[in-house]
Amino acid sequence: MPLCRTGHGNVHYWIVRLMREVRDGTLHQQPLRRVNLTRRTKEFAIARLALTRFTEAGGDLTALAKAGRMGGMFGSGG
């Protein structure tokens, strides 16, 4: 998906925030305790889609979270 540099950074921001909500290997729809859903943006939707596609392809979000691979821009957990 075409994004400007700021948009790309925003996607990573949302990935990290969403990864903090992973329980039992899945993203939970409600409630997202730490994510203010009133601030949902296109970048939020892209981040959510990326994590959904990762799990649909057989990826394990819990394993990523435990390994500290939360989706931060510079390889950090955010």
PDB file of N, CA and C in Angstrom:
ATOM      1  N   MET A   1       0.843  -1.166   0.000  1.00  0.00           N
ATOM      2  CA  MET A   1       0.000   0.000   0.000  1.00  0.00           C
ATOM      3  C   MET A   1       0.894   1.238   0.000  1.00  0.00           C
ATOM      4  N   PRO A   2       0.623   2.156  -0.877  1.00  0.00           N
ATOM      5  CA  PRO A   2       1.460   3.360  -0.917  1.00  0.00           C
ATOM      6  C   PRO A   2       1.208   4.243   0.303  1.00  0.00           C
ATOM      7  N   LEU A   3       2.302   4.592   0.975  1.00  0.00           N
ATOM      8  CA  LEU A   3       2.230   5.464   2.143  1.00  0.00           C
ATOM      9  C   LEU A   3       3.390   6.445   2.105  1.00  0.00           C
ATOM     10  N   CYS A   4       3.166   7.623   2.639  1.00  0.00           N
ATOM     11  CA  CYS A   4       4.273   8.554   2.820  1.00  0.00           C
ATOM     12  C   CYS A   4       5.088   8.089   4.029  1.00  0.00           C
ATOM     13  N   ARG A   5       6.210   8.705   4.270  1.00  0.00           N
ATOM     14  CA  ARG A   5       7.084   8.319   5.386  1.00  0.00           C
ATOM     15  C   ARG A   5       6.357   8.417   6.727  1.00  0.00           C
ATOM     16  N   THR A   6       5.580   9.454   6.915  1.00  0.00           N
ATOM     17  CA  THR A   6       4.832   9.624   8.157  1.00  0.00           C
ATOM     18  C   THR A   6       3.778   8.537   8.309  1.00  0.00           C
ATOM     19  N   GLY A   7       3.070   8.245   7.221  1.00  0.00           N
ATOM     20  CA  GLY A   7       2.059   7.187   7.257  1.00  0.00           C
ATOM     21  C   GLY A   7       2.671   5.840   7.600  1.00  0.00           C
ATOM     22  N   HIS A   8       3.841   5.560   7.025  1.00  0.00           N
ATOM     23  CA  HIS A   8       4.541   4.309   7.311  1.00  0.00           C
ATOM     24  C   HIS A   8       4.866   4.221   8.805  1.00  0.00           C
ATOM     25  N   GLY A   9       5.363   5.307   9.348  1.00  0.00           N
ATOM     26  CA  GLY A   9       5.660   5.339  10.782  1.00  0.00           C
ATOM     27  C   GLY A   9       4.409   5.143  11.626  1.00  0.00           C
ATOM     28  N   ASN A  10       3.305   5.729  11.186  1.00  0.00           N
ATOM     29  CA  ASN A  10       2.040   5.574  11.910  1.00  0.00           C
ATOM     30  C   ASN A  10       1.570   4.124  11.904  1.00  0.00           C
ATOM     31  N   VAL A  11       1.769   3.422  10.797  1.00  0.00           N
ATOM     32  CA  VAL A  11       1.401   2.000  10.735  1.00  0.00           C
ATOM     33  C   VAL A  11       2.202   1.226  11.783  1.00  0.00           C
ATOM     34  N   HIS A  12       3.480   1.498  11.875  1.00  0.00           N
ATOM     35  CA  HIS A  12       4.292   0.804  12.878  1.00  0.00           C
ATOM     36  C   HIS A  12       3.844   1.150  14.295  1.00  0.00           C
ATOM     37  N   TYR A  13       3.482   2.405  14.512  1.00  0.00           N
ATOM     38  CA  TYR A  13       2.959   2.808  15.824  1.00  0.00           C
ATOM     39  C   TYR A  13       1.756   1.949  16.191  1.00  0.00           C
ATOM     40  N   TRP A  14       0.801   1.793  15.251  1.00  0.00           N
ATOM     41  CA  TRP A  14      -0.403   1.014  15.523  1.00  0.00           C
ATOM     42  C   TRP A  14      -0.096  -0.467  15.666  1.00  0.00           C
ATOM     43  N   ILE A  15       0.868  -0.984  14.903  1.00  0.00           N
ATOM     44  CA  ILE A  15       1.229  -2.395  15.051  1.00  0.00           C
ATOM     45  C   ILE A  15       1.714  -2.646  16.477  1.00  0.00           C
ATOM     46  N   VAL A  16       2.579  -1.774  16.975  1.00  0.00           N
ATOM     47  CA  VAL A  16       3.077  -1.949  18.339  1.00  0.00           C
ATOM     48  C   VAL A  16       1.935  -1.885  19.333  1.00  0.00           C
ATOM     49  N   ARG A  17       1.058  -0.912  19.180  1.00  0.00           N
ATOM     50  CA  ARG A  17      -0.085  -0.785  20.108  1.00  0.00           C
ATOM     51  C   ARG A  17      -0.978  -2.009  20.059  1.00  0.00           C
ATOM     52  N   LEU A  18      -1.250  -2.502  18.853  1.00  0.00           N
ATOM     53  CA  LEU A  18      -2.095  -3.691  18.720  1.00  0.00           C
ATOM     54  C   LEU A  18      -1.405  -4.937  19.255  1.00  0.00           C
ATOM     55  N   MET A  19      -0.107  -5.059  19.047  1.00  0.00           N
ATOM     56  CA  MET A  19       0.624  -6.227  19.541  1.00  0.00           C
ATOM     57  C   MET A  19       0.569  -6.316  21.061  1.00  0.00           C
ATOM     58  N   ARG A  20       0.446  -5.201  21.718  1.00  0.00           N
ATOM     59  CA  ARG A  20       0.313  -5.208  23.184  1.00  0.00           C
ATOM     60  C   ARG A  20      -1.017  -5.801  23.626  1.00  0.00           C
ATOM     61  N   GLU A  21      -1.937  -5.967  22.704  1.00  0.00           N
ATOM     62  CA  GLU A  21      -3.257  -6.527  23.007  1.00  0.00           C
ATOM     63  C   GLU A  21      -3.380  -8.002  22.648  1.00  0.00           C
ATOM     64  N   VAL A  22      -2.300  -8.598  22.162  1.00  0.00           N
ATOM     65  CA  VAL A  22      -2.344 -10.000  21.757  1.00  0.00           C
ATOM     66  C   VAL A  22      -2.522 -10.881  22.990  1.00  0.00           C
ATOM     67  N   ARG A  23      -3.523 -11.731  22.912  1.00  0.00           N
ATOM     68  CA  ARG A  23      -3.766 -12.713  23.953  1.00  0.00           C
ATOM     69  C   ARG A  23      -4.111 -14.024  23.263  1.00  0.00           C
ATOM     70  N   ASP A  24      -3.462 -15.072  23.678  1.00  0.00           N
ATOM     71  CA  ASP A  24      -3.714 -16.401  23.111  1.00  0.00           C
ATOM     72  C   ASP A  24      -3.489 -16.435  21.610  1.00  0.00           C
ATOM     73  N   GLY A  25      -2.534 -15.663  21.125  1.00  0.00           N
ATOM     74  CA  GLY A  25      -2.157 -15.699  19.725  1.00  0.00           C
ATOM     75  C   GLY A  25      -3.056 -14.938  18.781  1.00  0.00           C
ATOM     76  N   THR A  26      -4.033 -14.232  19.308  1.00  0.00           N
ATOM     77  CA  THR A  26      -4.947 -13.504  18.428  1.00  0.00           C
ATOM     78  C   THR A  26      -5.145 -12.072  18.921  1.00  0.00           C
ATOM     79  N   LEU A  27      -5.546 -11.235  18.006  1.00  0.00           N
ATOM     80  CA  LEU A  27      -5.963  -9.883  18.367  1.00  0.00           C
ATOM     81  C   LEU A  27      -7.409  -9.952  18.810  1.00  0.00           C
ATOM     82  N   HIS A  28      -7.713  -9.317  19.893  1.00  0.00           N
ATOM     83  CA  HIS A  28      -9.082  -9.319  20.379  1.00  0.00           C
ATOM     84  C   HIS A  28      -9.787  -8.051  19.919  1.00  0.00           C
ATOM     85  N   GLN A  29     -11.020  -8.222  19.485  1.00  0.00           N
ATOM     86  CA  GLN A  29     -11.774  -7.091  18.935  1.00  0.00           C
ATOM     87  C   GLN A  29     -12.134  -6.074  20.017  1.00  0.00           C
ATOM     88  N   GLN A  30     -12.673  -6.523  21.115  1.00  0.00           N
ATOM     89  CA  GLN A  30     -13.135  -5.608  22.154  1.00  0.00           C
ATOM     90  C   GLN A  30     -12.855  -6.224  23.509  1.00  0.00           C
ATOM     91  N   PRO A  31     -12.513  -5.531  24.519  1.00  0.00           N
ATOM     92  CA  PRO A  31     -12.030  -4.165  24.385  1.00  0.00           C
ATOM     93  C   PRO A  31     -10.535  -4.144  24.129  1.00  0.00           C
ATOM     94  N   LEU A  32     -10.078  -3.184  23.396  1.00  0.00           N
ATOM     95  CA  LEU A  32      -8.641  -2.962  23.256  1.00  0.00           C
ATOM     96  C   LEU A  32      -8.284  -1.982  24.365  1.00  0.00           C
ATOM     97  N   ARG A  33      -7.796  -2.507  25.438  1.00  0.00           N
ATOM     98  CA  ARG A  33      -7.596  -1.723  26.665  1.00  0.00           C
ATOM     99  C   ARG A  33      -6.800  -0.452  26.446  1.00  0.00           C
ATOM    100  N   ARG A  34      -5.687  -0.570  25.763  1.00  0.00           N
ATOM    101  CA  ARG A  34      -4.772   0.565  25.685  1.00  0.00           C
ATOM    102  C   ARG A  34      -4.882   1.347  24.383  1.00  0.00           C
ATOM    103  N   VAL A  35      -5.756   0.949  23.514  1.00  0.00           N
ATOM    104  CA  VAL A  35      -5.848   1.613  22.212  1.00  0.00           C
ATOM    105  C   VAL A  35      -7.117   2.442  22.171  1.00  0.00           C
ATOM    106  N   ASN A  36      -6.960   3.730  21.976  1.00  0.00           N
ATOM    107  CA  ASN A  36      -8.102   4.623  21.873  1.00  0.00           C
ATOM    108  C   ASN A  36      -8.719   4.460  20.483  1.00  0.00           C
ATOM    109  N   LEU A  37      -9.816   3.738  20.411  1.00  0.00           N
ATOM    110  CA  LEU A  37     -10.418   3.436  19.113  1.00  0.00           C
ATOM    111  C   LEU A  37     -11.052   4.646  18.450  1.00  0.00           C
ATOM    112  N   THR A  38     -11.203   5.733  19.173  1.00  0.00           N
ATOM    113  CA  THR A  38     -11.745   6.936  18.538  1.00  0.00           C
ATOM    114  C   THR A  38     -10.708   7.569  17.616  1.00  0.00           C
ATOM    115  N   ARG A  39      -9.449   7.138  17.717  1.00  0.00           N
ATOM    116  CA  ARG A  39      -8.390   7.693  16.880  1.00  0.00           C
ATOM    117  C   ARG A  39      -8.080   6.789  15.697  1.00  0.00           C
ATOM    118  N   ARG A  40      -8.974   5.898  15.354  1.00  0.00           N
ATOM    119  CA  ARG A  40      -8.708   5.001  14.234  1.00  0.00           C
ATOM    120  C   ARG A  40      -8.502   5.792  12.949  1.00  0.00           C
ATOM    121  N   THR A  41      -7.531   5.345  12.179  1.00  0.00           N
ATOM    122  CA  THR A  41      -7.171   6.017  10.938  1.00  0.00           C
ATOM    123  C   THR A  41      -6.948   4.970   9.860  1.00  0.00           C
ATOM    124  N   LYS A  42      -6.631   5.438   8.663  1.00  0.00           N
ATOM    125  CA  LYS A  42      -6.256   4.520   7.583  1.00  0.00           C
ATOM    126  C   LYS A  42      -5.063   3.682   8.012  1.00  0.00           C
ATOM    127  N   GLU A  43      -4.116   4.317   8.699  1.00  0.00           N
ATOM    128  CA  GLU A  43      -2.932   3.598   9.154  1.00  0.00           C
ATOM    129  C   GLU A  43      -3.288   2.517  10.174  1.00  0.00           C
ATOM    130  N   PHE A  44      -4.274   2.793  11.038  1.00  0.00           N
ATOM    131  CA  PHE A  44      -4.755   1.786  11.983  1.00  0.00           C
ATOM    132  C   PHE A  44      -5.298   0.584  11.223  1.00  0.00           C
ATOM    133  N   ALA A  45      -6.095   0.842  10.201  1.00  0.00           N
ATOM    134  CA  ALA A  45      -6.685  -0.246   9.414  1.00  0.00           C
ATOM    135  C   ALA A  45      -5.607  -1.072   8.714  1.00  0.00           C
ATOM    136  N   ILE A  46      -4.581  -0.422   8.202  1.00  0.00           N
ATOM    137  CA  ILE A  46      -3.487  -1.135   7.533  1.00  0.00           C
ATOM    138  C   ILE A  46      -2.736  -2.004   8.538  1.00  0.00           C
ATOM    139  N   ALA A  47      -2.463  -1.468   9.719  1.00  0.00           N
ATOM    140  CA  ALA A  47      -1.758  -2.229  10.754  1.00  0.00           C
ATOM    141  C   ALA A  47      -2.571  -3.456  11.160  1.00  0.00           C
ATOM    142  N   ARG A  48      -3.843  -3.265  11.358  1.00  0.00           N
ATOM    143  CA  ARG A  48      -4.725  -4.383  11.754  1.00  0.00           C
ATOM    144  C   ARG A  48      -4.752  -5.429  10.647  1.00  0.00           C
ATOM    145  N   LEU A  49      -4.854  -4.992   9.409  1.00  0.00           N
ATOM    146  CA  LEU A  49      -4.864  -5.910   8.276  1.00  0.00           C
ATOM    147  C   LEU A  49      -3.554  -6.692   8.190  1.00  0.00           C
ATOM    148  N   ALA A  50      -2.430  -6.020   8.438  1.00  0.00           N
ATOM    149  CA  ALA A  50      -1.126  -6.695   8.390  1.00  0.00           C
ATOM    150  C   ALA A  50      -1.060  -7.817   9.420  1.00  0.00           C
ATOM    151  N   LEU A  51      -1.525  -7.549  10.627  1.00  0.00           N
ATOM    152  CA  LEU A  51      -1.487  -8.574  11.665  1.00  0.00           C
ATOM    153  C   LEU A  51      -2.483  -9.690  11.382  1.00  0.00           C
ATOM    154  N   THR A  52      -3.623  -9.342  10.833  1.00  0.00           N
ATOM    155  CA  THR A  52      -4.615 -10.363  10.458  1.00  0.00           C
ATOM    156  C   THR A  52      -4.051 -11.272   9.381  1.00  0.00           C
ATOM    157  N   ARG A  53      -3.449 -10.684   8.354  1.00  0.00           N
ATOM    158  CA  ARG A  53      -2.871 -11.493   7.273  1.00  0.00           C
ATOM    159  C   ARG A  53      -1.721 -12.359   7.771  1.00  0.00           C
ATOM    160  N   PHE A  54      -0.934 -11.846   8.705  1.00  0.00           N
ATOM    161  CA  PHE A  54       0.162 -12.620   9.280  1.00  0.00           C
ATOM    162  C   PHE A  54      -0.377 -13.878   9.961  1.00  0.00           C
ATOM    163  N   THR A  55      -1.435 -13.729  10.746  1.00  0.00           N
ATOM    164  CA  THR A  55      -1.995 -14.893  11.444  1.00  0.00           C
ATOM    165  C   THR A  55      -2.693 -15.834  10.474  1.00  0.00           C
ATOM    166  N   GLU A  56      -3.355 -15.292   9.459  1.00  0.00           N
ATOM    167  CA  GLU A  56      -4.010 -16.140   8.463  1.00  0.00           C
ATOM    168  C   GLU A  56      -2.999 -16.978   7.682  1.00  0.00           C
ATOM    169  N   ALA A  57      -1.778 -16.470   7.558  1.00  0.00           N
ATOM    170  CA  ALA A  57      -0.721 -17.196   6.852  1.00  0.00           C
ATOM    171  C   ALA A  57      -0.008 -18.188   7.771  1.00  0.00           C
ATOM    172  N   GLY A  58      -0.488 -18.293   9.009  1.00  0.00           N
ATOM    173  CA  GLY A  58       0.083 -19.260   9.938  1.00  0.00           C
ATOM    174  C   GLY A  58       1.049 -18.674  10.946  1.00  0.00           C
ATOM    175  N   GLY A  59       1.209 -17.354  10.945  1.00  0.00           N
ATOM    176  CA  GLY A  59       2.112 -16.711  11.890  1.00  0.00           C
ATOM    177  C   GLY A  59       1.554 -16.716  13.303  1.00  0.00           C
ATOM    178  N   ASP A  60       2.438 -16.652  14.281  1.00  0.00           N
ATOM    179  CA  ASP A  60       2.064 -16.693  15.691  1.00  0.00           C
ATOM    180  C   ASP A  60       2.409 -15.359  16.347  1.00  0.00           C
ATOM    181  N   LEU A  61       1.392 -14.551  16.627  1.00  0.00           N
ATOM    182  CA  LEU A  61       1.607 -13.238  17.219  1.00  0.00           C
ATOM    183  C   LEU A  61       2.152 -13.345  18.634  1.00  0.00           C
ATOM    184  N   THR A  62       1.733 -14.364  19.378  1.00  0.00           N
ATOM    185  CA  THR A  62       2.234 -14.535  20.731  1.00  0.00           C
ATOM    186  C   THR A  62       3.733 -14.803  20.719  1.00  0.00           C
ATOM    187  N   ALA A  63       4.189 -15.638  19.800  1.00  0.00           N
ATOM    188  CA  ALA A  63       5.626 -15.926  19.702  1.00  0.00           C
ATOM    189  C   ALA A  63       6.406 -14.660  19.366  1.00  0.00           C
ATOM    190  N   LEU A  64       5.868 -13.840  18.471  1.00  0.00           N
ATOM    191  CA  LEU A  64       6.533 -12.574  18.147  1.00  0.00           C
ATOM    192  C   LEU A  64       6.610 -11.671  19.370  1.00  0.00           C
ATOM    193  N   ALA A  65       5.495 -11.564  20.082  1.00  0.00           N
ATOM    194  CA  ALA A  65       5.457 -10.700  21.260  1.00  0.00           C
ATOM    195  C   ALA A  65       6.441 -11.186  22.317  1.00  0.00           C
ATOM    196  N   LYS A  66       6.483 -12.487  22.560  1.00  0.00           N
ATOM    197  CA  LYS A  66       7.403 -13.034  23.559  1.00  0.00           C
ATOM    198  C   LYS A  66       8.855 -12.818  23.161  1.00  0.00           C
ATOM    199  N   ALA A  67       9.120 -12.800  21.864  1.00  0.00           N
ATOM    200  CA  ALA A  67      10.484 -12.576  21.374  1.00  0.00           C
ATOM    201  C   ALA A  67      10.832 -11.092  21.324  1.00  0.00           C
ATOM    202  N   GLY A  68       9.874 -10.238  21.684  1.00  0.00           N
ATOM    203  CA  GLY A  68      10.119  -8.802  21.660  1.00  0.00           C
ATOM    204  C   GLY A  68      10.021  -8.196  20.276  1.00  0.00           C
ATOM    205  N   ARG A  69       9.467  -8.926  19.333  1.00  0.00           N
ATOM    206  CA  ARG A  69       9.313  -8.442  17.954  1.00  0.00           C
ATOM    207  C   ARG A  69       7.917  -7.871  17.792  1.00  0.00           C
ATOM    208  N   MET A  70       7.755  -6.659  18.274  1.00  0.00           N
ATOM    209  CA  MET A  70       6.425  -6.053  18.328  1.00  0.00           C
ATOM    210  C   MET A  70       6.103  -5.175  17.128  1.00  0.00           C
ATOM    211  N   GLY A  71       7.047  -4.987  16.225  1.00  0.00           N
ATOM    212  CA  GLY A  71       6.762  -4.187  15.046  1.00  0.00           C
ATOM    213  C   GLY A  71       7.282  -2.774  15.104  1.00  0.00           C
ATOM    214  N   GLY A  72       8.172  -2.489  16.051  1.00  0.00           N
ATOM    215  CA  GLY A  72       8.735  -1.146  16.164  1.00  0.00           C
ATOM    216  C   GLY A  72       9.527  -0.776  14.917  1.00  0.00           C
ATOM    217  N   MET A  73       9.614   0.496  14.641  1.00  0.00           N
ATOM    218  CA  MET A  73      10.275   0.989  13.431  1.00  0.00           C
ATOM    219  C   MET A  73      11.740   0.589  13.331  1.00  0.00           C
ATOM    220  N   PHE A  74      12.418   0.499  14.437  1.00  0.00           N
ATOM    221  CA  PHE A  74      13.860   0.272  14.399  1.00  0.00           C
ATOM    222  C   PHE A  74      14.232  -1.052  15.054  1.00  0.00           C
ATOM    223  N   GLY A  75      13.346  -2.046  14.907  1.00  0.00           N
ATOM    224  CA  GLY A  75      13.626  -3.373  15.417  1.00  0.00           C
ATOM    225  C   GLY A  75      13.325  -3.564  16.883  1.00  0.00           C
ATOM    226  N   SER A  76      12.831  -2.535  17.522  1.00  0.00           N
ATOM    227  CA  SER A  76      12.519  -2.657  18.935  1.00  0.00           C
ATOM    228  C   SER A  76      11.062  -3.051  19.112  1.00  0.00           C
ATOM    229  N   GLY A  77      10.709  -3.320  20.316  1.00  0.00           N
ATOM    230  CA  GLY A  77       9.331  -3.646  20.632  1.00  0.00           C
ATOM    231  C   GLY A  77       8.440  -2.433  20.715  1.00  0.00           C
ATOM    232  N   GLY A  78       8.985  -1.283  20.524  1.00  0.00           N
ATOM    233  CA  GLY A  78       8.179  -0.083  20.557  1.00  0.00           C
ATOM    234  C   GLY A  78       8.452   0.638  21.779  1.00  0.00           C
TER     235      GLY A  78
END
